[in-house]
PDB file of N, CA and C in Angstrom:
ATOM      1  N   MET A   1       9.461  22.090  70.212  1.00  0.00           N
ATOM      2  CA  MET A   1      10.515  22.397  69.283  1.00  0.00           C
ATOM      3  C   MET A   1      11.696  22.982  70.064  1.00  0.00           C
ATOM      4  N   SER A   2      12.829  22.791  69.507  1.00  0.00           N
ATOM      5  CA  SER A   2      14.025  23.206  70.216  1.00  0.00           C
ATOM      6  C   SER A   2      14.236  24.716  70.098  1.00  0.00           C
ATOM      7  N   SER A   3      15.023  25.241  70.995  1.00  0.00           N
ATOM      8  CA  SER A   3      15.321  26.679  70.966  1.00  0.00           C
ATOM      9  C   SER A   3      16.172  27.027  69.747  1.00  0.00           C
ATOM     10  N   ARG A   4      16.936  26.066  69.258  1.00  0.00           N
ATOM     11  CA  ARG A   4      17.742  26.296  68.058  1.00  0.00           C
ATOM     12  C   ARG A   4      16.827  26.559  66.858  1.00  0.00           C
ATOM     13  N   PHE A   5      15.741  25.814  66.743  1.00  0.00           N
ATOM     14  CA  PHE A   5      14.776  26.011  65.660  1.00  0.00           C
ATOM     15  C   PHE A   5      14.197  27.427  65.714  1.00  0.00           C
ATOM     16  N   TRP A   6      13.778  27.866  66.897  1.00  0.00           N
ATOM     17  CA  TRP A   6      13.186  29.188  67.031  1.00  0.00           C
ATOM     18  C   TRP A   6      14.204  30.297  66.752  1.00  0.00           C
ATOM     19  N   LEU A   7      15.439  30.064  67.136  1.00  0.00           N
ATOM     20  CA  LEU A   7      16.488  31.031  66.848  1.00  0.00           C
ATOM     21  C   LEU A   7      16.717  31.149  65.339  1.00  0.00           C
ATOM     22  N   LEU A   8      16.777  30.027  64.654  1.00  0.00           N
ATOM     23  CA  LEU A   8      16.943  30.039  63.199  1.00  0.00           C
ATOM     24  C   LEU A   8      15.735  30.679  62.510  1.00  0.00           C
ATOM     25  N   ALA A   9      14.532  30.396  63.013  1.00  0.00           N
ATOM     26  CA  ALA A   9      13.332  30.991  62.433  1.00  0.00           C
ATOM     27  C   ALA A   9      13.344  32.507  62.610  1.00  0.00           C
ATOM     28  N   ALA A  10      13.745  32.975  63.776  1.00  0.00           N
ATOM     29  CA  ALA A  10      13.810  34.418  64.026  1.00  0.00           C
ATOM     30  C   ALA A  10      14.860  35.070  63.136  1.00  0.00           C
ATOM     31  N   LEU A  11      16.013  34.447  62.980  1.00  0.00           N
ATOM     32  CA  LEU A  11      17.049  34.983  62.103  1.00  0.00           C
ATOM     33  C   LEU A  11      16.585  35.036  60.652  1.00  0.00           C
ATOM     34  N   LEU A  12      15.863  34.015  60.237  1.00  0.00           N
ATOM     35  CA  LEU A  12      15.332  33.983  58.878  1.00  0.00           C
ATOM     36  C   LEU A  12      14.336  35.125  58.663  1.00  0.00           C
ATOM     37  N   LEU A  13      13.470  35.373  59.635  1.00  0.00           N
ATOM     38  CA  LEU A  13      12.512  36.480  59.527  1.00  0.00           C
ATOM     39  C   LEU A  13      13.225  37.826  59.460  1.00  0.00           C
ATOM     40  N   VAL A  14      14.258  37.994  60.251  1.00  0.00           N
ATOM     41  CA  VAL A  14      15.025  39.240  60.217  1.00  0.00           C
ATOM     42  C   VAL A  14      15.686  39.407  58.854  1.00  0.00           C
ATOM     43  N   LEU A  15      16.272  38.346  58.343  1.00  0.00           N
ATOM     44  CA  LEU A  15      16.925  38.402  57.039  1.00  0.00           C
ATOM     45  C   LEU A  15      15.932  38.741  55.936  1.00  0.00           C
ATOM     46  N   VAL A  16      14.769  38.148  55.957  1.00  0.00           N
ATOM     47  CA  VAL A  16      13.731  38.447  54.965  1.00  0.00           C
ATOM     48  C   VAL A  16      13.319  39.913  55.080  1.00  0.00           C
ATOM     49  N   GLY A  17      13.173  40.417  56.279  1.00  0.00           N
ATOM     50  CA  GLY A  17      12.812  41.823  56.472  1.00  0.00           C
ATOM     51  C   GLY A  17      13.868  42.762  55.933  1.00  0.00           C
ATOM     52  N   VAL A  18      15.122  42.461  56.167  1.00  0.00           N
ATOM     53  CA  VAL A  18      16.223  43.299  55.670  1.00  0.00           C
ATOM     54  C   VAL A  18      16.241  43.280  54.150  1.00  0.00           C
ATOM     55  N   LEU A  19      16.109  42.114  53.551  1.00  0.00           N
ATOM     56  CA  LEU A  19      16.097  42.017  52.087  1.00  0.00           C
ATOM     57  C   LEU A  19      14.896  42.740  51.497  1.00  0.00           C
ATOM     58  N   TRP A  20      13.738  42.633  52.136  1.00  0.00           N
ATOM     59  CA  TRP A  20      12.544  43.316  51.656  1.00  0.00           C
ATOM     60  C   TRP A  20      12.754  44.832  51.667  1.00  0.00           C
ATOM     61  N   HIS A  21      13.296  45.338  52.755  1.00  0.00           N
ATOM     62  CA  HIS A  21      13.560  46.773  52.878  1.00  0.00           C
ATOM     63  C   HIS A  21      14.571  47.223  51.823  1.00  0.00           C
ATOM     64  N   ALA A  22      15.620  46.451  51.610  1.00  0.00           N
ATOM     65  CA  ALA A  22      16.634  46.802  50.612  1.00  0.00           C
ATOM     66  C   ALA A  22      16.018  46.846  49.216  1.00  0.00           C
ATOM     67  N   ALA A  23      15.116  45.933  48.912  1.00  0.00           N
ATOM     68  CA  ALA A  23      14.463  45.922  47.605  1.00  0.00           C
ATOM     69  C   ALA A  23      13.585  47.155  47.436  1.00  0.00           C
ATOM     70  N   GLU A  24      12.875  47.553  48.477  1.00  0.00           N
ATOM     71  CA  GLU A  24      12.033  48.755  48.404  1.00  0.00           C
ATOM     72  C   GLU A  24      12.876  50.004  48.184  1.00  0.00           C
ATOM     73  N   VAL A  25      13.979  50.124  48.904  1.00  0.00           N
ATOM     74  CA  VAL A  25      14.841  51.298  48.806  1.00  0.00           C
ATOM     75  C   VAL A  25      15.464  51.382  47.417  1.00  0.00           C
ATOM     76  N   SER A  26      15.934  50.281  46.878  1.00  0.00           N
ATOM     77  CA  SER A  26      16.578  50.314  45.564  1.00  0.00           C
ATOM     78  C   SER A  26      15.579  50.558  44.443  1.00  0.00           C
ATOM     79  N   ALA A  27      14.298  50.282  44.660  1.00  0.00           N
ATOM     80  CA  ALA A  27      13.288  50.499  43.625  1.00  0.00           C
ATOM     81  C   ALA A  27      12.893  51.966  43.520  1.00  0.00           C
ATOM     82  N   ARG A  28      13.124  52.758  44.556  1.00  0.00           N
ATOM     83  CA  ARG A  28      12.774  54.176  44.531  1.00  0.00           C
ATOM     84  C   ARG A  28      13.782  54.956  43.697  1.00  0.00           C
ATOM     85  N   PRO A  29      13.311  55.931  42.922  1.00  0.00           N
ATOM     86  CA  PRO A  29      14.271  56.763  42.205  1.00  0.00           C
ATOM     87  C   PRO A  29      15.046  57.628  43.194  1.00  0.00           C
ATOM     88  N   PRO A  30      16.316  57.912  42.899  1.00  0.00           N
ATOM     89  CA  PRO A  30      17.091  58.716  43.838  1.00  0.00           C
ATOM     90  C   PRO A  30      16.572  60.146  43.898  1.00  0.00           C
ATOM     91  N   ALA A  31      16.656  60.738  45.058  1.00  0.00           N
ATOM     92  CA  ALA A  31      16.247  62.133  45.216  1.00  0.00           C
ATOM     93  C   ALA A  31      17.258  63.030  44.522  1.00  0.00           C
ATOM     94  N   LEU A  32      16.768  64.125  43.960  1.00  0.00           N
ATOM     95  CA  LEU A  32      17.670  65.078  43.327  1.00  0.00           C
ATOM     96  C   LEU A  32      18.480  65.776  44.405  1.00  0.00           C
ATOM     97  N   LEU A  33      19.749  65.969  44.142  1.00  0.00           N
ATOM     98  CA  LEU A  33      20.640  66.532  45.141  1.00  0.00           C
ATOM     99  C   LEU A  33      20.625  68.046  45.189  1.00  0.00           C
ATOM    100  N   SER A  34      20.279  68.683  44.069  1.00  0.00           N
ATOM    101  CA  SER A  34      20.256  70.135  44.053  1.00  0.00           C
ATOM    102  C   SER A  34      19.408  70.616  42.899  1.00  0.00           C
ATOM    103  N   GLU A  35      19.201  71.932  42.847  1.00  0.00           N
ATOM    104  CA  GLU A  35      18.442  72.480  41.737  1.00  0.00           C
ATOM    105  C   GLU A  35      19.180  72.305  40.415  1.00  0.00           C
ATOM    106  N   HIS A  36      20.477  72.023  40.478  1.00  0.00           N
ATOM    107  CA  HIS A  36      21.254  71.807  39.264  1.00  0.00           C
ATOM    108  C   HIS A  36      20.852  70.516  38.571  1.00  0.00           C
ATOM    109  N   SER A  37      20.125  69.659  39.246  1.00  0.00           N
ATOM    110  CA  SER A  37      19.711  68.389  38.676  1.00  0.00           C
ATOM    111  C   SER A  37      18.302  68.425  38.102  1.00  0.00           C
ATOM    112  N   GLN A  38      17.628  69.538  38.208  1.00  0.00           N
ATOM    113  CA  GLN A  38      16.244  69.620  37.765  1.00  0.00           C
ATOM    114  C   GLN A  38      16.154  69.551  36.239  1.00  0.00           C
ATOM    115  N   PRO A  39      15.264  68.733  35.705  1.00  0.00           N
ATOM    116  CA  PRO A  39      15.093  68.684  34.253  1.00  0.00           C
ATOM    117  C   PRO A  39      14.438  69.959  33.744  1.00  0.00           C
ATOM    118  N   ALA A  40      14.589  70.209  32.462  1.00  0.00           N
ATOM    119  CA  ALA A  40      13.973  71.388  31.849  1.00  0.00           C
ATOM    120  C   ALA A  40      12.460  71.225  31.844  1.00  0.00           C
ATOM    121  N   LYS A  41      11.760  72.264  32.263  1.00  0.00           N
ATOM    122  CA  LYS A  41      10.295  72.264  32.206  1.00  0.00           C
ATOM    123  C   LYS A  41       9.824  72.864  30.892  1.00  0.00           C
ATOM    124  N   THR A  42      10.636  73.742  30.332  1.00  0.00           N
ATOM    125  CA  THR A  42      10.372  74.370  29.044  1.00  0.00           C
ATOM    126  C   THR A  42      11.631  74.231  28.203  1.00  0.00           C
ATOM    127  N   ILE A  43      11.491  73.713  27.004  1.00  0.00           N
ATOM    128  CA  ILE A  43      12.648  73.547  26.120  1.00  0.00           C
ATOM    129  C   ILE A  43      12.899  74.867  25.392  1.00  0.00           C
ATOM    130  N   PRO A  44      14.074  75.457  25.544  1.00  0.00           N
ATOM    131  CA  PRO A  44      14.369  76.716  24.852  1.00  0.00           C
ATOM    132  C   PRO A  44      14.325  76.550  23.333  1.00  0.00           C
ATOM    133  N   ALA A  45      13.938  77.618  22.644  1.00  0.00           N
ATOM    134  CA  ALA A  45      13.874  77.583  21.185  1.00  0.00           C
ATOM    135  C   ALA A  45      15.246  77.791  20.559  1.00  0.00           C
ATOM    136  N   GLN A  46      16.122  78.535  21.245  1.00  0.00           N
ATOM    137  CA  GLN A  46      17.430  78.854  20.678  1.00  0.00           C
ATOM    138  C   GLN A  46      18.418  77.708  20.925  1.00  0.00           C
ATOM    139  N   PRO A  47      19.487  77.645  20.108  1.00  0.00           N
ATOM    140  CA  PRO A  47      20.540  76.653  20.366  1.00  0.00           C
ATOM    141  C   PRO A  47      21.171  76.896  21.744  1.00  0.00           C
ATOM    142  N   VAL A  48      21.672  75.837  22.325  1.00  0.00           N
ATOM    143  CA  VAL A  48      22.305  75.929  23.639  1.00  0.00           C
ATOM    144  C   VAL A  48      23.727  75.399  23.541  1.00  0.00           C
ATOM    145  N   ALA A  49      24.535  75.748  24.523  1.00  0.00           N
ATOM    146  CA  ALA A  49      25.927  75.306  24.568  1.00  0.00           C
ATOM    147  C   ALA A  49      26.060  74.179  25.579  1.00  0.00           C
ATOM    148  N   ILE A  50      26.759  73.132  25.180  1.00  0.00           N
ATOM    149  CA  ILE A  50      27.056  72.028  26.096  1.00  0.00           C
ATOM    150  C   ILE A  50      28.557  71.762  26.060  1.00  0.00           C
ATOM    151  N   ILE A  51      29.026  71.121  27.104  1.00  0.00           N
ATOM    152  CA  ILE A  51      30.378  70.591  27.140  1.00  0.00           C
ATOM    153  C   ILE A  51      30.185  69.080  27.023  1.00  0.00           C
ATOM    154  N   PRO A  52      30.813  68.406  26.059  1.00  0.00           N
ATOM    155  CA  PRO A  52      30.534  66.985  25.832  1.00  0.00           C
ATOM    156  C   PRO A  52      30.572  66.098  27.077  1.00  0.00           C
ATOM    157  N   ASN A  53      31.434  66.355  28.027  1.00  0.00           N
ATOM    158  CA  ASN A  53      31.478  65.540  29.241  1.00  0.00           C
ATOM    159  C   ASN A  53      30.740  66.205  30.400  1.00  0.00           C
ATOM    160  N   GLY A  54      30.015  67.291  30.117  1.00  0.00           N
ATOM    161  CA  GLY A  54      29.297  68.016  31.160  1.00  0.00           C
ATOM    162  C   GLY A  54      27.934  67.421  31.437  1.00  0.00           C
ATOM    163  N   LYS A  55      27.162  68.119  32.271  1.00  0.00           N
ATOM    164  CA  LYS A  55      25.833  67.656  32.662  1.00  0.00           C
ATOM    165  C   LYS A  55      24.748  68.675  32.354  1.00  0.00           C
ATOM    166  N   GLN A  56      25.148  69.916  32.058  1.00  0.00           N
ATOM    167  CA  GLN A  56      24.166  70.981  31.890  1.00  0.00           C
ATOM    168  C   GLN A  56      24.286  71.626  30.519  1.00  0.00           C
ATOM    169  N   PHE A  57      23.162  72.231  30.083  1.00  0.00           N
ATOM    170  CA  PHE A  57      23.243  73.070  28.894  1.00  0.00           C
ATOM    171  C   PHE A  57      23.129  74.522  29.321  1.00  0.00           C
ATOM    172  N   HIS A  58      23.751  75.405  28.517  1.00  0.00           N
ATOM    173  CA  HIS A  58      23.893  76.804  28.880  1.00  0.00           C
ATOM    174  C   HIS A  58      23.450  77.720  27.747  1.00  0.00           C
ATOM    175  N   ASP A  59      23.143  78.955  28.117  1.00  0.00           N
ATOM    176  CA  ASP A  59      23.020  80.024  27.136  1.00  0.00           C
ATOM    177  C   ASP A  59      24.425  80.197  26.553  1.00  0.00           C
ATOM    178  N   PRO A  60      24.560  80.381  25.245  1.00  0.00           N
ATOM    179  CA  PRO A  60      25.899  80.508  24.661  1.00  0.00           C
ATOM    180  C   PRO A  60      26.753  81.622  25.274  1.00  0.00           C
ATOM    181  N   LYS A  61      26.129  82.614  25.886  1.00  0.00           N
ATOM    182  CA  LYS A  61      26.870  83.726  26.492  1.00  0.00           C
ATOM    183  C   LYS A  61      27.152  83.515  27.982  1.00  0.00           C
ATOM    184  N   CYS A  62      26.805  82.358  28.520  1.00  0.00           N
ATOM    185  CA  CYS A  62      26.971  82.099  29.959  1.00  0.00           C
ATOM    186  C   CYS A  62      28.438  82.159  30.360  1.00  0.00           C
ATOM    187  N   ARG A  63      28.710  82.833  31.461  1.00  0.00           N
ATOM    188  CA  ARG A  63      30.101  82.939  31.934  1.00  0.00           C
ATOM    189  C   ARG A  63      30.513  81.734  32.769  1.00  0.00           C
ATOM    190  N   TYR A  64      29.591  80.829  33.020  1.00  0.00           N
ATOM    191  CA  TYR A  64      29.907  79.656  33.830  1.00  0.00           C
ATOM    192  C   TYR A  64      30.245  78.420  33.001  1.00  0.00           C
ATOM    193  N   ILE A  65      30.369  78.554  31.699  1.00  0.00           N
ATOM    194  CA  ILE A  65      30.767  77.426  30.858  1.00  0.00           C
ATOM    195  C   ILE A  65      32.255  77.197  31.065  1.00  0.00           C
ATOM    196  N   HIS A  66      32.599  75.983  31.433  1.00  0.00           N
ATOM    197  CA  HIS A  66      34.002  75.626  31.646  1.00  0.00           C
ATOM    198  C   HIS A  66      34.406  74.631  30.576  1.00  0.00           C
ATOM    199  N   GLY A  67      35.274  75.043  29.683  1.00  0.00           N
ATOM    200  CA  GLY A  67      35.711  74.182  28.595  1.00  0.00           C
ATOM    201  C   GLY A  67      35.227  74.718  27.265  1.00  0.00           C
ATOM    202  N   LYS A  68      35.499  73.992  26.204  1.00  0.00           N
ATOM    203  CA  LYS A  68      35.117  74.409  24.860  1.00  0.00           C
ATOM    204  C   LYS A  68      33.692  73.932  24.580  1.00  0.00           C
ATOM    205  N   PRO A  69      32.747  74.868  24.418  1.00  0.00           N
ATOM    206  CA  PRO A  69      31.358  74.472  24.220  1.00  0.00           C
ATOM    207  C   PRO A  69      31.079  73.992  22.798  1.00  0.00           C
ATOM    208  N   VAL A  70      30.060  73.165  22.696  1.00  0.00           N
ATOM    209  CA  VAL A  70      29.537  72.686  21.421  1.00  0.00           C
ATOM    210  C   VAL A  70      28.096  73.174  21.359  1.00  0.00           C
ATOM    211  N   MET A  71      27.713  73.752  20.223  1.00  0.00           N
ATOM    212  CA  MET A  71      26.350  74.249  20.067  1.00  0.00           C
ATOM    213  C   MET A  71      25.448  73.131  19.539  1.00  0.00           C
ATOM    214  N   VAL A  72      24.305  72.932  20.206  1.00  0.00           N
ATOM    215  CA  VAL A  72      23.292  71.956  19.783  1.00  0.00           C
ATOM    216  C   VAL A  72      21.934  72.574  20.013  1.00  0.00           C
ATOM    217  N   ASP A  73      20.904  71.977  19.422  1.00  0.00           N
ATOM    218  CA  ASP A  73      19.571  72.491  19.735  1.00  0.00           C
ATOM    219  C   ASP A  73      19.173  71.941  21.112  1.00  0.00           C
ATOM    220  N   ALA A  74      18.325  72.678  21.792  1.00  0.00           N
ATOM    221  CA  ALA A  74      17.967  72.342  23.171  1.00  0.00           C
ATOM    222  C   ALA A  74      17.265  70.992  23.274  1.00  0.00           C
ATOM    223  N   GLN A  75      16.479  70.623  22.257  1.00  0.00           N
ATOM    224  CA  GLN A  75      15.788  69.326  22.261  1.00  0.00           C
ATOM    225  C   GLN A  75      16.810  68.184  22.303  1.00  0.00           C
ATOM    226  N   THR A  76      17.873  68.307  21.513  1.00  0.00           N
ATOM    227  CA  THR A  76      18.923  67.287  21.497  1.00  0.00           C
ATOM    228  C   THR A  76      19.630  67.227  22.846  1.00  0.00           C
ATOM    229  N   ALA A  77      19.946  68.384  23.399  1.00  0.00           N
ATOM    230  CA  ALA A  77      20.620  68.417  24.703  1.00  0.00           C
ATOM    231  C   ALA A  77      19.768  67.744  25.772  1.00  0.00           C
ATOM    232  N   THR A  78      18.478  68.027  25.766  1.00  0.00           N
ATOM    233  CA  THR A  78      17.565  67.424  26.744  1.00  0.00           C
ATOM    234  C   THR A  78      17.469  65.913  26.531  1.00  0.00           C
ATOM    235  N   ALA A  79      17.369  65.483  25.281  1.00  0.00           N
ATOM    236  CA  ALA A  79      17.271  64.051  24.971  1.00  0.00           C
ATOM    237  C   ALA A  79      18.531  63.296  25.386  1.00  0.00           C
ATOM    238  N   GLU A  80      19.671  63.976  25.367  1.00  0.00           N
ATOM    239  CA  GLU A  80      20.929  63.346  25.766  1.00  0.00           C
ATOM    240  C   GLU A  80      21.168  63.408  27.267  1.00  0.00           C
ATOM    241  N   GLY A  81      20.217  63.952  28.029  1.00  0.00           N
ATOM    242  CA  GLY A  81      20.301  63.952  29.489  1.00  0.00           C
ATOM    243  C   GLY A  81      20.848  65.215  30.112  1.00  0.00           C
ATOM    244  N   TYR A  82      21.130  66.239  29.315  1.00  0.00           N
ATOM    245  CA  TYR A  82      21.601  67.501  29.880  1.00  0.00           C
ATOM    246  C   TYR A  82      20.441  68.225  30.558  1.00  0.00           C
ATOM    247  N   THR A  83      20.754  68.920  31.632  1.00  0.00           N
ATOM    248  CA  THR A  83      19.752  69.716  32.348  1.00  0.00           C
ATOM    249  C   THR A  83      20.153  71.183  32.264  1.00  0.00           C
ATOM    250  N   PRO A  84      19.191  72.105  32.424  1.00  0.00           N
ATOM    251  CA  PRO A  84      19.526  73.523  32.296  1.00  0.00           C
ATOM    252  C   PRO A  84      20.366  74.039  33.455  1.00  0.00           C
ATOM    253  N   ASP A  85      21.305  74.911  33.128  1.00  0.00           N
ATOM    254  CA  ASP A  85      22.075  75.604  34.156  1.00  0.00           C
ATOM    255  C   ASP A  85      21.135  76.621  34.793  1.00  0.00           C
ATOM    256  N   PRO A  86      20.875  76.546  36.096  1.00  0.00           N
ATOM    257  CA  PRO A  86      19.917  77.463  36.719  1.00  0.00           C
ATOM    258  C   PRO A  86      20.378  78.916  36.737  1.00  0.00           C
ATOM    259  N   ARG A  87      21.646  79.169  36.473  1.00  0.00           N
ATOM    260  CA  ARG A  87      22.134  80.543  36.492  1.00  0.00           C
ATOM    261  C   ARG A  87      21.831  81.273  35.189  1.00  0.00           C
ATOM    262  N   CYS A  88      21.918  80.596  34.056  1.00  0.00           N
ATOM    263  CA  CYS A  88      21.714  81.275  32.776  1.00  0.00           C
ATOM    264  C   CYS A  88      20.475  80.785  32.032  1.00  0.00           C
ATOM    265  N   MET A  89      19.863  79.703  32.461  1.00  0.00           N
ATOM    266  CA  MET A  89      18.714  79.142  31.762  1.00  0.00           C
ATOM    267  C   MET A  89      17.477  79.081  32.672  1.00  0.00           C
ATOM    268  N   LYS A  90      17.264  80.155  33.420  1.00  0.00           N
ATOM    269  CA  LYS A  90      16.124  80.181  34.359  1.00  0.00           C
ATOM    270  C   LYS A  90      14.793  79.973  33.660  1.00  0.00           C
ATOM    271  N   GLN A  91      14.673  80.507  32.422  1.00  0.00           N
ATOM    272  CA  GLN A  91      13.404  80.361  31.706  1.00  0.00           C
ATOM    273  C   GLN A  91      13.120  78.889  31.403  1.00  0.00           C
ATOM    274  N   ALA A  92      14.145  78.053  31.239  1.00  0.00           N
ATOM    275  CA  ALA A  92      13.934  76.636  30.958  1.00  0.00           C
ATOM    276  C   ALA A  92      13.476  75.882  32.194  1.00  0.00           C
ATOM    277  N   MET A  93      13.681  76.457  33.361  1.00  0.00           N
ATOM    278  CA  MET A  93      13.310  75.798  34.600  1.00  0.00           C
ATOM    279  C   MET A  93      11.915  76.178  35.063  1.00  0.00           C
ATOM    280  N   GLN A  94      11.264  77.075  34.346  1.00  0.00           N
ATOM    281  CA  GLN A  94       9.917  77.523  34.704  1.00  0.00           C
ATOM    282  C   GLN A  94       8.914  77.037  33.680  1.00  0.00           C
ATOM    283  N   LYS A  95       7.757  76.622  34.164  1.00  0.00           N
ATOM    284  CA  LYS A  95       6.689  76.235  33.244  1.00  0.00           C
ATOM    285  C   LYS A  95       6.102  77.488  32.630  1.00  0.00           C
ATOM    286  N   GLN A  96       5.769  77.398  31.370  1.00  0.00           N
ATOM    287  CA  GLN A  96       5.160  78.557  30.711  1.00  0.00           C
ATOM    288  C   GLN A  96       3.722  78.305  30.399  1.00  0.00           C
TER     289      GLN A  96
END
């Protein structure tokens, strides 16, 4: 067989390997970037404050709320993808 055939076969194997690796990497869930991304382990019983375009839910008295808060129950906030603010909602981040 010609050297051109072997070169094409080697390139094809490399390409298949690269595609296989890319498929494995994209199938893995992304790693959390910080503790701010941790989901609630315990859902608080009291209503929580959210900012509609925010990512976290807060204790209504939290000084780290930026913007006009909306009060919702914690179950709704969790179902909508909000995560607890680790500064004011530490109890939600701990298993009970």
